[in-house]
N, C-alpha and C. Protein backbone atom coordinates (compact mmCIF):
# COMPACT_ATOMS: atom_id res chain seq x y z
N MET A 1 0.85 -1.19 0.00
CA MET A 1 0.00 0.00 0.00
C MET A 1 0.88 1.24 0.00
N GLY A 2 0.96 1.93 -1.13
CA GLY A 2 1.77 3.13 -1.24
C GLY A 2 3.19 2.84 -1.66
N HIS A 3 3.98 3.92 -1.78
CA HIS A 3 5.37 3.78 -2.21
C HIS A 3 6.29 4.65 -1.35
N ASP A 4 5.88 4.92 -0.12
CA ASP A 4 6.66 5.78 0.75
C ASP A 4 7.46 4.96 1.76
N LEU A 5 8.09 5.65 2.72
CA LEU A 5 8.91 4.99 3.71
C LEU A 5 8.09 4.04 4.58
N ALA A 6 6.86 4.44 4.90
CA ALA A 6 6.00 3.57 5.71
C ALA A 6 5.69 2.27 5.00
N SER A 7 5.60 2.31 3.67
CA SER A 7 5.36 1.09 2.91
C SER A 7 6.54 0.14 3.01
N GLY A 8 7.75 0.70 2.94
CA GLY A 8 8.94 -0.13 3.12
C GLY A 8 8.99 -0.73 4.51
N GLY A 9 8.60 0.06 5.52
CA GLY A 9 8.54 -0.44 6.89
C GLY A 9 7.51 -1.53 7.05
N CYS A 10 6.39 -1.39 6.35
CA CYS A 10 5.33 -2.41 6.39
C CYS A 10 5.85 -3.73 5.86
N SER A 11 6.58 -3.70 4.76
CA SER A 11 7.14 -4.92 4.18
C SER A 11 8.17 -5.55 5.11
N ALA A 12 9.01 -4.70 5.73
CA ALA A 12 10.04 -5.22 6.63
C ALA A 12 9.41 -5.88 7.86
N VAL A 13 8.38 -5.25 8.42
CA VAL A 13 7.68 -5.82 9.58
C VAL A 13 7.04 -7.16 9.21
N ALA A 14 6.41 -7.22 8.03
CA ALA A 14 5.77 -8.45 7.59
C ALA A 14 6.78 -9.57 7.42
N LEU A 15 7.93 -9.26 6.83
CA LEU A 15 8.96 -10.27 6.61
C LEU A 15 9.51 -10.78 7.94
N ALA A 16 9.72 -9.86 8.89
CA ALA A 16 10.21 -10.28 10.21
C ALA A 16 9.20 -11.17 10.91
N ALA A 17 7.92 -10.83 10.83
CA ALA A 17 6.87 -11.65 11.44
C ALA A 17 6.80 -13.02 10.79
N CYS A 18 6.97 -13.06 9.48
CA CYS A 18 6.96 -14.32 8.75
C CYS A 18 8.10 -15.22 9.22
N ARG A 19 9.30 -14.67 9.28
CA ARG A 19 10.48 -15.48 9.63
C ARG A 19 10.40 -15.99 11.07
N SER A 20 9.99 -15.11 12.00
CA SER A 20 9.95 -15.53 13.40
C SER A 20 8.91 -16.62 13.62
N THR A 21 7.76 -16.51 12.94
CA THR A 21 6.71 -17.52 13.08
C THR A 21 7.13 -18.84 12.46
N ARG A 22 7.78 -18.78 11.32
CA ARG A 22 8.25 -20.00 10.66
C ARG A 22 9.28 -20.72 11.51
N ARG A 23 10.21 -19.96 12.05
CA ARG A 23 11.26 -20.58 12.87
C ARG A 23 10.69 -21.15 14.17
N ALA A 24 9.55 -20.63 14.61
CA ALA A 24 8.90 -21.16 15.80
C ALA A 24 8.02 -22.37 15.49
N GLY A 25 7.99 -22.78 14.22
CA GLY A 25 7.23 -23.96 13.83
C GLY A 25 5.82 -23.68 13.36
N GLY A 26 5.48 -22.42 13.15
CA GLY A 26 4.13 -22.08 12.70
C GLY A 26 3.89 -22.43 11.25
N GLY A 27 2.62 -22.68 10.91
CA GLY A 27 2.23 -22.98 9.54
C GLY A 27 1.94 -21.70 8.76
N LEU A 28 1.49 -21.86 7.52
CA LEU A 28 1.25 -20.71 6.67
C LEU A 28 0.13 -19.82 7.22
N ASP A 29 -0.94 -20.43 7.75
CA ASP A 29 -2.02 -19.63 8.32
C ASP A 29 -1.55 -18.90 9.57
N ASP A 30 -0.68 -19.54 10.36
CA ASP A 30 -0.11 -18.87 11.54
C ASP A 30 0.71 -17.66 11.12
N ILE A 31 1.48 -17.82 10.06
CA ILE A 31 2.31 -16.72 9.57
C ILE A 31 1.44 -15.54 9.15
N ALA A 32 0.38 -15.83 8.40
CA ALA A 32 -0.52 -14.77 7.94
C ALA A 32 -1.15 -14.03 9.12
N GLN A 33 -1.59 -14.77 10.13
CA GLN A 33 -2.20 -14.14 11.30
C GLN A 33 -1.19 -13.31 12.09
N GLU A 34 0.04 -13.78 12.17
CA GLU A 34 1.06 -13.03 12.90
C GLU A 34 1.41 -11.75 12.17
N ILE A 35 1.51 -11.81 10.85
CA ILE A 35 1.74 -10.59 10.07
C ILE A 35 0.61 -9.61 10.29
N ASP A 36 -0.60 -10.11 10.25
CA ASP A 36 -1.78 -9.27 10.41
C ASP A 36 -1.76 -8.55 11.76
N SER A 37 -1.52 -9.28 12.83
CA SER A 37 -1.53 -8.68 14.16
C SER A 37 -0.34 -7.75 14.37
N THR A 38 0.82 -8.10 13.79
CA THR A 38 2.01 -7.26 13.95
C THR A 38 1.84 -5.93 13.22
N LEU A 39 1.25 -5.98 12.05
CA LEU A 39 0.97 -4.73 11.33
C LEU A 39 0.02 -3.86 12.13
N GLY A 40 -1.00 -4.48 12.71
CA GLY A 40 -1.96 -3.74 13.52
C GLY A 40 -1.30 -3.07 14.71
N GLN A 41 -0.27 -3.70 15.26
CA GLN A 41 0.40 -3.16 16.44
C GLN A 41 1.38 -2.05 16.08
N TRP A 42 2.17 -2.24 15.01
CA TRP A 42 3.26 -1.33 14.72
C TRP A 42 2.99 -0.36 13.58
N ILE A 43 2.25 -0.80 12.57
CA ILE A 43 1.98 0.09 11.42
C ILE A 43 0.49 -0.02 11.08
N PRO A 44 -0.38 0.53 11.94
CA PRO A 44 -1.82 0.45 11.68
C PRO A 44 -2.20 1.29 10.45
N ASP A 45 -3.37 0.99 9.91
CA ASP A 45 -3.91 1.72 8.76
C ASP A 45 -3.10 1.49 7.48
N ARG A 46 -2.32 0.40 7.46
CA ARG A 46 -1.63 0.02 6.24
C ARG A 46 -2.03 -1.39 5.86
N LEU A 47 -2.32 -1.60 4.59
CA LEU A 47 -2.67 -2.93 4.10
C LEU A 47 -1.48 -3.55 3.38
N LEU A 48 -1.45 -4.88 3.40
CA LEU A 48 -0.37 -5.60 2.74
C LEU A 48 -0.94 -6.81 2.02
N THR A 49 -0.61 -6.94 0.75
CA THR A 49 -0.99 -8.14 0.01
C THR A 49 0.23 -9.06 -0.08
N CYS A 50 -0.03 -10.35 -0.14
CA CYS A 50 1.11 -11.28 -0.18
C CYS A 50 0.65 -12.67 -0.60
N VAL A 51 1.60 -13.43 -1.09
CA VAL A 51 1.48 -14.88 -1.23
C VAL A 51 2.53 -15.50 -0.32
N ILE A 52 2.11 -16.37 0.58
CA ILE A 52 3.03 -17.08 1.47
C ILE A 52 2.96 -18.54 1.07
N ALA A 53 4.10 -19.13 0.72
CA ALA A 53 4.06 -20.47 0.15
C ALA A 53 5.17 -21.35 0.71
N ASN A 54 4.94 -22.64 0.64
CA ASN A 54 5.95 -23.63 1.03
C ASN A 54 5.95 -24.77 0.01
N LEU A 55 7.12 -25.07 -0.54
CA LEU A 55 7.26 -26.16 -1.50
C LEU A 55 8.07 -27.28 -0.86
N ASP A 56 7.47 -28.46 -0.76
CA ASP A 56 8.18 -29.64 -0.31
C ASP A 56 8.98 -30.15 -1.51
N THR A 57 10.30 -30.00 -1.47
CA THR A 57 11.12 -30.33 -2.63
C THR A 57 11.29 -31.83 -2.84
N VAL A 58 10.84 -32.63 -1.88
CA VAL A 58 10.90 -34.09 -2.04
C VAL A 58 9.64 -34.60 -2.72
N THR A 59 8.48 -34.17 -2.26
CA THR A 59 7.21 -34.69 -2.79
C THR A 59 6.59 -33.81 -3.87
N GLY A 60 7.02 -32.55 -3.97
CA GLY A 60 6.42 -31.64 -4.93
C GLY A 60 5.14 -31.01 -4.45
N ARG A 61 4.83 -31.15 -3.17
CA ARG A 61 3.61 -30.54 -2.63
C ARG A 61 3.84 -29.04 -2.42
N LEU A 62 2.96 -28.24 -3.02
CA LEU A 62 3.02 -26.80 -2.86
C LEU A 62 1.81 -26.34 -2.06
N ASP A 63 2.07 -25.72 -0.90
CA ASP A 63 1.02 -25.12 -0.08
C ASP A 63 1.18 -23.61 -0.16
N TRP A 64 0.06 -22.89 -0.21
CA TRP A 64 0.17 -21.44 -0.24
C TRP A 64 -1.11 -20.79 0.27
N VAL A 65 -0.97 -19.56 0.75
CA VAL A 65 -2.10 -18.71 1.07
C VAL A 65 -1.94 -17.44 0.25
N ASN A 66 -3.05 -16.89 -0.21
CA ASN A 66 -3.02 -15.68 -1.02
C ASN A 66 -3.90 -14.63 -0.36
N CYS A 67 -3.27 -13.57 0.09
CA CYS A 67 -3.98 -12.49 0.77
C CYS A 67 -4.01 -11.25 -0.12
N GLY A 68 -5.00 -11.19 -1.01
CA GLY A 68 -5.20 -10.03 -1.85
C GLY A 68 -4.16 -9.80 -2.92
N HIS A 69 -3.37 -10.81 -3.24
CA HIS A 69 -2.26 -10.68 -4.18
C HIS A 69 -2.62 -11.30 -5.52
N PRO A 70 -1.95 -10.90 -6.63
CA PRO A 70 -2.18 -11.63 -7.88
C PRO A 70 -1.87 -13.11 -7.69
N PRO A 71 -2.73 -14.00 -8.15
CA PRO A 71 -2.49 -15.43 -7.95
C PRO A 71 -1.27 -15.91 -8.73
N PRO A 72 -0.54 -16.90 -8.20
CA PRO A 72 0.59 -17.47 -8.94
C PRO A 72 0.09 -18.16 -10.22
N LEU A 73 1.01 -18.36 -11.15
CA LEU A 73 0.69 -19.05 -12.39
C LEU A 73 1.39 -20.40 -12.41
N LEU A 74 0.66 -21.44 -12.83
CA LEU A 74 1.24 -22.77 -13.00
C LEU A 74 1.48 -22.99 -14.49
N ILE A 75 2.74 -23.29 -14.83
CA ILE A 75 3.14 -23.51 -16.23
C ILE A 75 3.51 -24.97 -16.38
N ARG A 76 2.76 -25.67 -17.25
CA ARG A 76 2.96 -27.11 -17.43
C ARG A 76 2.87 -27.46 -18.91
N ASP A 77 3.80 -28.30 -19.35
CA ASP A 77 3.80 -28.75 -20.75
C ASP A 77 3.74 -27.56 -21.71
N ARG A 78 4.51 -26.52 -21.37
CA ARG A 78 4.66 -25.36 -22.24
C ARG A 78 3.39 -24.54 -22.41
N HIS A 79 2.52 -24.58 -21.41
CA HIS A 79 1.37 -23.68 -21.43
C HIS A 79 0.94 -23.39 -19.99
N ILE A 80 0.22 -22.29 -19.82
CA ILE A 80 -0.27 -21.91 -18.50
C ILE A 80 -1.58 -22.64 -18.23
N VAL A 81 -1.65 -23.30 -17.08
CA VAL A 81 -2.87 -24.00 -16.68
C VAL A 81 -3.80 -22.96 -16.05
N ALA A 82 -4.80 -22.55 -16.79
CA ALA A 82 -5.66 -21.45 -16.36
C ALA A 82 -6.34 -21.75 -15.02
N GLY A 83 -6.21 -20.84 -14.08
CA GLY A 83 -6.91 -20.94 -12.81
C GLY A 83 -6.40 -21.99 -11.85
N ALA A 84 -5.30 -22.67 -12.19
CA ALA A 84 -4.84 -23.80 -11.37
C ALA A 84 -4.45 -23.37 -9.96
N LEU A 85 -3.91 -22.15 -9.81
CA LEU A 85 -3.45 -21.69 -8.50
C LEU A 85 -4.23 -20.46 -8.02
N ASP A 86 -5.43 -20.28 -8.56
CA ASP A 86 -6.24 -19.15 -8.11
C ASP A 86 -6.65 -19.32 -6.66
N GLY A 87 -7.15 -20.52 -6.31
CA GLY A 87 -7.54 -20.80 -4.94
C GLY A 87 -8.70 -19.93 -4.46
N VAL A 88 -8.92 -19.94 -3.15
CA VAL A 88 -9.98 -19.15 -2.54
C VAL A 88 -9.42 -17.77 -2.21
N PRO A 89 -10.02 -16.69 -2.73
CA PRO A 89 -9.48 -15.35 -2.45
C PRO A 89 -9.62 -14.97 -0.98
N HIS A 90 -8.70 -14.16 -0.50
CA HIS A 90 -8.74 -13.69 0.89
C HIS A 90 -8.38 -12.22 0.92
N LEU A 91 -8.81 -11.54 1.96
CA LEU A 91 -8.56 -10.11 2.09
C LEU A 91 -7.08 -9.84 2.37
N PRO A 92 -6.60 -8.63 2.04
CA PRO A 92 -5.23 -8.26 2.41
C PRO A 92 -5.05 -8.29 3.92
N LEU A 93 -3.81 -8.32 4.36
CA LEU A 93 -3.50 -8.30 5.78
C LEU A 93 -3.40 -6.86 6.27
N GLY A 94 -3.64 -6.68 7.57
CA GLY A 94 -3.55 -5.35 8.16
C GLY A 94 -4.88 -4.68 8.38
N LEU A 95 -5.99 -5.42 8.27
CA LEU A 95 -7.33 -4.84 8.48
C LEU A 95 -7.62 -4.77 9.98
N THR A 96 -6.96 -3.86 10.65
CA THR A 96 -7.08 -3.72 12.09
C THR A 96 -8.52 -3.40 12.50
N GLY A 97 -9.00 -4.12 13.52
CA GLY A 97 -10.34 -3.85 14.04
C GLY A 97 -11.44 -4.65 13.39
N TRP A 98 -11.12 -5.40 12.35
CA TRP A 98 -12.12 -6.21 11.66
C TRP A 98 -11.92 -7.68 12.03
N GLU A 99 -13.02 -8.37 12.21
CA GLU A 99 -12.97 -9.80 12.52
C GLU A 99 -12.83 -10.57 11.21
N VAL A 100 -11.61 -10.88 10.84
CA VAL A 100 -11.34 -11.57 9.58
C VAL A 100 -10.79 -12.96 9.90
N PRO A 101 -11.41 -14.03 9.38
CA PRO A 101 -10.90 -15.37 9.65
C PRO A 101 -9.54 -15.58 9.00
N PRO A 102 -8.76 -16.55 9.48
CA PRO A 102 -7.46 -16.81 8.86
C PRO A 102 -7.62 -17.26 7.41
N PRO A 103 -6.64 -16.97 6.56
CA PRO A 103 -6.76 -17.36 5.15
C PRO A 103 -6.69 -18.87 5.00
N PRO A 104 -7.46 -19.43 4.06
CA PRO A 104 -7.39 -20.88 3.83
C PRO A 104 -6.08 -21.26 3.16
N VAL A 105 -5.53 -22.41 3.54
CA VAL A 105 -4.30 -22.91 2.93
C VAL A 105 -4.68 -23.74 1.70
N GLN A 106 -4.14 -23.38 0.55
CA GLN A 106 -4.38 -24.11 -0.69
C GLN A 106 -3.26 -25.12 -0.90
N THR A 107 -3.56 -26.21 -1.60
CA THR A 107 -2.55 -27.25 -1.83
C THR A 107 -2.65 -27.78 -3.26
N VAL A 108 -1.50 -28.00 -3.88
CA VAL A 108 -1.44 -28.66 -5.18
C VAL A 108 -0.15 -29.49 -5.20
N HIS A 109 -0.17 -30.60 -5.93
CA HIS A 109 1.03 -31.41 -6.10
C HIS A 109 1.57 -31.18 -7.51
N LEU A 110 2.79 -30.68 -7.58
CA LEU A 110 3.39 -30.37 -8.87
C LEU A 110 3.83 -31.64 -9.59
N GLU A 111 3.88 -31.55 -10.90
CA GLU A 111 4.40 -32.62 -11.74
C GLU A 111 5.84 -32.27 -12.14
N PRO A 112 6.66 -33.28 -12.46
CA PRO A 112 8.04 -33.00 -12.87
C PRO A 112 8.10 -31.98 -14.00
N GLY A 113 8.95 -30.96 -13.83
CA GLY A 113 9.10 -29.93 -14.84
C GLY A 113 8.15 -28.76 -14.71
N ASP A 114 7.19 -28.83 -13.79
CA ASP A 114 6.27 -27.71 -13.58
C ASP A 114 7.04 -26.47 -13.15
N ARG A 115 6.56 -25.34 -13.62
CA ARG A 115 7.10 -24.05 -13.18
C ARG A 115 5.98 -23.25 -12.51
N VAL A 116 6.33 -22.56 -11.44
CA VAL A 116 5.39 -21.69 -10.74
C VAL A 116 5.94 -20.28 -10.80
N LEU A 117 5.13 -19.35 -11.28
CA LEU A 117 5.54 -17.95 -11.43
C LEU A 117 4.74 -17.09 -10.46
N LEU A 118 5.45 -16.36 -9.60
CA LEU A 118 4.82 -15.43 -8.67
C LEU A 118 5.24 -14.01 -9.04
N ILE A 119 4.27 -13.10 -9.05
CA ILE A 119 4.55 -11.71 -9.44
C ILE A 119 3.83 -10.75 -8.50
N THR A 120 4.31 -9.51 -8.47
CA THR A 120 3.56 -8.45 -7.82
C THR A 120 2.73 -7.72 -8.88
N ASP A 121 1.78 -6.90 -8.42
CA ASP A 121 0.93 -6.21 -9.40
C ASP A 121 1.68 -5.13 -10.17
N GLY A 122 2.91 -4.80 -9.72
CA GLY A 122 3.73 -3.87 -10.49
C GLY A 122 4.16 -4.42 -11.83
N VAL A 123 3.98 -5.73 -12.04
CA VAL A 123 4.30 -6.35 -13.33
C VAL A 123 3.13 -6.18 -14.30
N THR A 124 1.97 -6.68 -13.93
CA THR A 124 0.82 -6.63 -14.84
C THR A 124 0.27 -5.21 -15.01
N GLU A 125 0.49 -4.35 -14.02
CA GLU A 125 -0.03 -2.98 -14.09
C GLU A 125 1.02 -1.99 -14.58
N ALA A 126 2.15 -2.48 -15.04
CA ALA A 126 3.17 -1.60 -15.62
C ALA A 126 2.60 -0.93 -16.87
N ARG A 127 2.85 0.36 -17.00
CA ARG A 127 2.29 1.12 -18.12
C ARG A 127 3.39 1.64 -19.05
N SER A 128 3.06 1.65 -20.32
CA SER A 128 3.96 2.22 -21.32
C SER A 128 3.80 3.75 -21.31
N ALA A 129 4.58 4.43 -22.16
CA ALA A 129 4.49 5.89 -22.24
C ALA A 129 3.11 6.34 -22.71
N THR A 130 2.42 5.49 -23.44
CA THR A 130 1.07 5.83 -23.93
C THR A 130 -0.03 5.38 -22.97
N GLY A 131 0.36 4.79 -21.82
CA GLY A 131 -0.63 4.37 -20.83
C GLY A 131 -1.11 2.95 -20.98
N GLU A 132 -0.52 2.18 -21.91
CA GLU A 132 -0.96 0.80 -22.12
C GLU A 132 -0.42 -0.10 -21.02
N LEU A 133 -1.32 -0.89 -20.40
CA LEU A 133 -0.91 -1.82 -19.36
C LEU A 133 -0.11 -2.98 -19.95
N PHE A 134 0.86 -3.48 -19.17
CA PHE A 134 1.58 -4.68 -19.59
C PHE A 134 0.61 -5.85 -19.66
N GLY A 135 -0.20 -6.03 -18.61
CA GLY A 135 -1.33 -6.95 -18.64
C GLY A 135 -0.99 -8.42 -18.47
N GLU A 136 -1.99 -9.18 -18.06
CA GLU A 136 -1.82 -10.61 -17.83
C GLU A 136 -1.61 -11.38 -19.13
N GLN A 137 -2.29 -10.98 -20.21
CA GLN A 137 -2.17 -11.71 -21.46
C GLN A 137 -0.77 -11.58 -22.04
N ARG A 138 -0.20 -10.37 -21.99
CA ARG A 138 1.16 -10.18 -22.48
C ARG A 138 2.14 -11.01 -21.65
N LEU A 139 1.94 -10.99 -20.33
CA LEU A 139 2.77 -11.79 -19.44
C LEU A 139 2.72 -13.27 -19.83
N ALA A 140 1.50 -13.78 -20.01
CA ALA A 140 1.33 -15.19 -20.37
C ALA A 140 1.98 -15.50 -21.71
N ASP A 141 1.83 -14.61 -22.68
CA ASP A 141 2.39 -14.84 -24.02
C ASP A 141 3.92 -14.94 -23.97
N ILE A 142 4.55 -14.06 -23.19
CA ILE A 142 6.02 -14.07 -23.10
C ILE A 142 6.51 -15.33 -22.43
N VAL A 143 5.83 -15.72 -21.34
CA VAL A 143 6.23 -16.93 -20.61
C VAL A 143 6.07 -18.16 -21.48
N VAL A 144 4.94 -18.28 -22.14
CA VAL A 144 4.69 -19.45 -22.98
C VAL A 144 5.66 -19.49 -24.16
N ARG A 145 5.94 -18.35 -24.76
CA ARG A 145 6.87 -18.31 -25.89
C ARG A 145 8.26 -18.77 -25.47
N ALA A 146 8.68 -18.36 -24.28
CA ALA A 146 9.99 -18.79 -23.78
C ALA A 146 10.02 -20.30 -23.56
N MET A 147 8.89 -20.85 -23.08
CA MET A 147 8.80 -22.29 -22.87
C MET A 147 8.85 -23.03 -24.20
N VAL A 148 8.11 -22.55 -25.18
CA VAL A 148 8.07 -23.20 -26.49
C VAL A 148 9.45 -23.18 -27.14
N ASP A 149 10.18 -22.09 -26.93
CA ASP A 149 11.52 -21.97 -27.50
C ASP A 149 12.54 -22.82 -26.75
N GLY A 150 12.11 -23.46 -25.64
CA GLY A 150 12.98 -24.37 -24.92
C GLY A 150 13.97 -23.73 -23.97
N PHE A 151 13.74 -22.47 -23.58
CA PHE A 151 14.69 -21.80 -22.69
C PHE A 151 14.57 -22.34 -21.26
N ALA A 152 15.71 -22.45 -20.60
CA ALA A 152 15.73 -22.84 -19.20
C ALA A 152 15.12 -21.72 -18.36
N ALA A 153 14.76 -22.06 -17.11
CA ALA A 153 14.08 -21.11 -16.24
C ALA A 153 14.82 -19.78 -16.10
N PRO A 154 16.15 -19.77 -15.86
CA PRO A 154 16.84 -18.49 -15.71
C PRO A 154 16.73 -17.60 -16.95
N GLU A 155 16.87 -18.19 -18.14
CA GLU A 155 16.78 -17.40 -19.36
C GLU A 155 15.35 -16.94 -19.62
N ALA A 156 14.37 -17.79 -19.34
CA ALA A 156 12.97 -17.40 -19.50
C ALA A 156 12.65 -16.21 -18.62
N LEU A 157 13.17 -16.24 -17.39
CA LEU A 157 12.93 -15.16 -16.45
C LEU A 157 13.64 -13.88 -16.90
N ARG A 158 14.86 -14.01 -17.39
CA ARG A 158 15.61 -12.84 -17.87
C ARG A 158 14.87 -12.15 -19.01
N ARG A 159 14.32 -12.93 -19.92
CA ARG A 159 13.59 -12.35 -21.05
C ARG A 159 12.31 -11.65 -20.59
N LEU A 160 11.64 -12.23 -19.60
CA LEU A 160 10.42 -11.61 -19.09
C LEU A 160 10.75 -10.27 -18.45
N ILE A 161 11.79 -10.23 -17.63
CA ILE A 161 12.19 -8.97 -16.98
C ILE A 161 12.55 -7.91 -18.03
N LYS A 162 13.26 -8.32 -19.06
CA LYS A 162 13.63 -7.36 -20.11
C LYS A 162 12.39 -6.77 -20.76
N GLU A 163 11.39 -7.60 -21.05
CA GLU A 163 10.16 -7.12 -21.69
C GLU A 163 9.43 -6.13 -20.78
N ILE A 164 9.42 -6.39 -19.48
CA ILE A 164 8.74 -5.49 -18.54
C ILE A 164 9.42 -4.13 -18.51
N VAL A 165 10.75 -4.13 -18.46
CA VAL A 165 11.50 -2.88 -18.40
C VAL A 165 11.37 -2.11 -19.71
N VAL A 166 11.47 -2.79 -20.84
CA VAL A 166 11.34 -2.14 -22.14
C VAL A 166 9.95 -1.54 -22.30
N HIS A 167 8.92 -2.24 -21.83
CA HIS A 167 7.54 -1.76 -21.95
C HIS A 167 7.39 -0.39 -21.27
N GLN A 168 8.16 -0.16 -20.20
CA GLN A 168 8.05 1.11 -19.47
C GLN A 168 9.16 2.09 -19.82
N ASP A 169 9.80 1.86 -20.98
CA ASP A 169 10.84 2.76 -21.45
C ASP A 169 11.98 2.87 -20.44
N GLN A 170 12.36 1.72 -19.87
CA GLN A 170 13.52 1.59 -18.97
C GLN A 170 13.33 2.26 -17.62
N ARG A 171 12.12 2.68 -17.27
CA ARG A 171 11.91 3.36 -15.99
C ARG A 171 10.64 2.83 -15.34
N LEU A 172 10.80 2.11 -14.22
CA LEU A 172 9.64 1.56 -13.51
C LEU A 172 9.03 2.60 -12.57
N HIS A 173 7.72 2.54 -12.47
CA HIS A 173 6.99 3.46 -11.59
C HIS A 173 6.36 2.74 -10.40
N ASP A 174 6.57 1.45 -10.31
CA ASP A 174 6.05 0.67 -9.19
C ASP A 174 7.00 -0.51 -8.97
N ASP A 175 7.02 -1.02 -7.74
CA ASP A 175 7.83 -2.20 -7.47
C ASP A 175 7.35 -3.36 -8.33
N ALA A 176 8.29 -4.05 -8.93
CA ALA A 176 7.95 -5.21 -9.76
C ALA A 176 8.86 -6.35 -9.37
N THR A 177 8.28 -7.38 -8.75
CA THR A 177 9.08 -8.51 -8.28
C THR A 177 8.56 -9.80 -8.91
N ILE A 178 9.49 -10.65 -9.33
CA ILE A 178 9.14 -11.91 -9.98
C ILE A 178 9.93 -13.04 -9.34
N VAL A 179 9.26 -14.14 -9.04
CA VAL A 179 9.94 -15.35 -8.58
C VAL A 179 9.48 -16.51 -9.47
N LEU A 180 10.42 -17.25 -10.03
CA LEU A 180 10.11 -18.39 -10.87
C LEU A 180 10.74 -19.64 -10.26
N VAL A 181 9.92 -20.65 -10.01
CA VAL A 181 10.38 -21.92 -9.44
C VAL A 181 10.11 -23.04 -10.43
N GLU A 182 11.12 -23.88 -10.67
CA GLU A 182 10.96 -25.07 -11.52
C GLU A 182 11.31 -26.29 -10.68
N TRP A 183 10.44 -27.32 -10.73
CA TRP A 183 10.61 -28.48 -9.85
C TRP A 183 10.83 -29.77 -10.65
N HIS A 184 11.84 -30.55 -10.23
CA HIS A 184 12.18 -31.82 -10.89
C HIS A 184 12.40 -32.90 -9.84
N PRO A 185 12.14 -34.16 -10.21
CA PRO A 185 12.43 -35.25 -9.27
C PRO A 185 13.91 -35.39 -9.02
N ARG A 186 14.25 -35.83 -7.82
CA ARG A 186 15.64 -36.18 -7.55
C ARG A 186 15.96 -37.47 -8.28
N PRO A 187 17.18 -37.63 -8.76
CA PRO A 187 17.55 -38.87 -9.46
C PRO A 187 17.32 -40.09 -8.58
N GLY A 188 16.67 -41.10 -9.16
CA GLY A 188 16.44 -42.34 -8.44
C GLY A 188 15.21 -42.35 -7.58
N ARG A 189 14.49 -41.21 -7.51
CA ARG A 189 13.28 -41.18 -6.69
C ARG A 189 12.07 -41.40 -7.58
N SER A 190 11.26 -42.36 -7.25
CA SER A 190 10.11 -42.67 -8.08
C SER A 190 8.99 -41.67 -7.85
N VAL A 191 8.18 -41.50 -8.88
CA VAL A 191 7.01 -40.63 -8.81
C VAL A 191 5.78 -41.51 -8.87
N CYS A 192 4.92 -41.40 -7.88
CA CYS A 192 3.76 -42.28 -7.87
C CYS A 192 2.57 -41.56 -7.24
N GLY A 193 1.40 -42.17 -7.41
CA GLY A 193 0.20 -41.63 -6.79
C GLY A 193 -0.68 -40.94 -7.81
N ALA A 194 -1.96 -41.23 -7.77
CA ALA A 194 -2.92 -40.59 -8.67
C ALA A 194 -3.41 -39.30 -8.04
N VAL A 195 -3.74 -38.34 -8.88
CA VAL A 195 -4.28 -37.07 -8.39
C VAL A 195 -5.49 -36.70 -9.23
N PRO A 196 -6.41 -35.93 -8.67
CA PRO A 196 -7.58 -35.52 -9.43
C PRO A 196 -7.21 -34.58 -10.56
N ALA A 197 -8.09 -34.45 -11.53
CA ALA A 197 -7.88 -33.50 -12.62
C ALA A 197 -7.78 -32.10 -12.05
N GLY A 198 -6.85 -31.32 -12.62
CA GLY A 198 -6.67 -29.96 -12.15
C GLY A 198 -5.61 -29.83 -11.07
N THR A 199 -5.14 -30.99 -10.52
CA THR A 199 -4.01 -30.95 -9.59
C THR A 199 -2.83 -31.62 -10.26
N SER A 200 -1.82 -32.07 -9.48
CA SER A 200 -0.59 -32.57 -10.08
C SER A 200 0.22 -33.52 -9.19
N THR A 201 1.40 -34.01 -9.65
CA THR A 201 2.29 -34.83 -8.79
C THR A 201 3.78 -34.48 -8.79
N THR A 202 4.63 -34.64 -8.16
CA THR A 202 5.94 -34.96 -7.61
C THR A 202 7.28 -34.41 -8.12
N ALA A 203 8.42 -34.36 -7.32
CA ALA A 203 9.82 -34.20 -7.77
C ALA A 203 10.92 -33.72 -6.83
N ARG A 204 12.03 -33.11 -7.28
CA ARG A 204 13.28 -32.76 -6.59
C ARG A 204 13.29 -31.35 -5.99
N GLY A 205 14.45 -30.81 -5.68
CA GLY A 205 14.55 -29.43 -5.21
C GLY A 205 14.39 -28.46 -6.35
N PRO A 206 13.89 -27.25 -6.08
CA PRO A 206 13.59 -26.30 -7.15
C PRO A 206 14.82 -25.53 -7.58
N ASP A 207 14.82 -25.12 -8.84
CA ASP A 207 15.71 -24.06 -9.27
C ASP A 207 14.88 -22.79 -9.17
N SER A 208 15.11 -21.98 -8.18
CA SER A 208 14.27 -20.80 -8.00
C SER A 208 15.12 -19.55 -8.11
N ILE A 209 14.60 -18.58 -8.81
CA ILE A 209 15.32 -17.34 -9.01
C ILE A 209 14.35 -16.20 -8.78
N GLY A 210 14.62 -15.36 -7.82
CA GLY A 210 13.77 -14.21 -7.56
C GLY A 210 14.51 -12.95 -7.96
N HIS A 211 13.93 -12.18 -8.86
CA HIS A 211 14.56 -10.95 -9.31
C HIS A 211 13.68 -9.77 -8.97
N PRO A 212 13.98 -9.04 -7.88
CA PRO A 212 13.23 -7.82 -7.64
C PRO A 212 13.69 -6.73 -8.58
N VAL A 213 12.75 -6.08 -9.26
CA VAL A 213 13.08 -4.98 -10.14
C VAL A 213 12.50 -3.73 -9.49
N LYS A 214 13.36 -2.87 -8.96
CA LYS A 214 12.91 -1.76 -8.14
C LYS A 214 12.83 -0.47 -8.94
N PRO A 215 11.86 0.40 -8.61
CA PRO A 215 11.76 1.70 -9.27
C PRO A 215 12.85 2.64 -8.78
N ASP A 216 13.00 3.76 -9.48
CA ASP A 216 14.01 4.73 -9.09
C ASP A 216 13.60 5.50 -7.84
N GLY A 217 12.29 5.61 -7.59
CA GLY A 217 11.81 6.36 -6.44
C GLY A 217 11.82 5.50 -5.19
N PRO A 218 11.20 6.01 -4.08
CA PRO A 218 11.18 5.24 -2.81
C PRO A 218 10.48 3.93 -2.95
């Protein structure tokens, strides 16, 4: 919420609350509630959107909660699986004084080679000099094209970042952060188990690369 010093403080407080709760053994819903209460105590009247996720690199199980943030994208077999990680929407954190239930934890089992793309709204809402939004469709087209061309995750991500920066004439006006995770089975580990349609199965540790692209301003 905003682009001033208080916004940076809000993010720092949320990250500290996340880390302390995780290290104390808390789950994703515990983390979300701790962020919510900590914001209310130290930086009231500020909202924060986020995706908090955990990937089991042995089984490929991905758990996540989404609090008012753009949903992650699941990329499988060189195309985006529409709505696969939308989940149940939840309100942003920091709604002090409101009785808001904890966010539901969503779960999906990834298949070997699946990629998960997480972005902030500074990516899809990036505007060109003429006011044209970068948009979800352009994002999807670039990601899918990189997959079809056979680029590895780091190169696919590099090309996406370049397109975002070029679209805004080399000057960002909002924070734009991207994290891309690709999951594969560990050698010698079998993949088994049936899953319902719309979900997935199994693999190794991720190759994950997070590239924050920061604006020139605060």
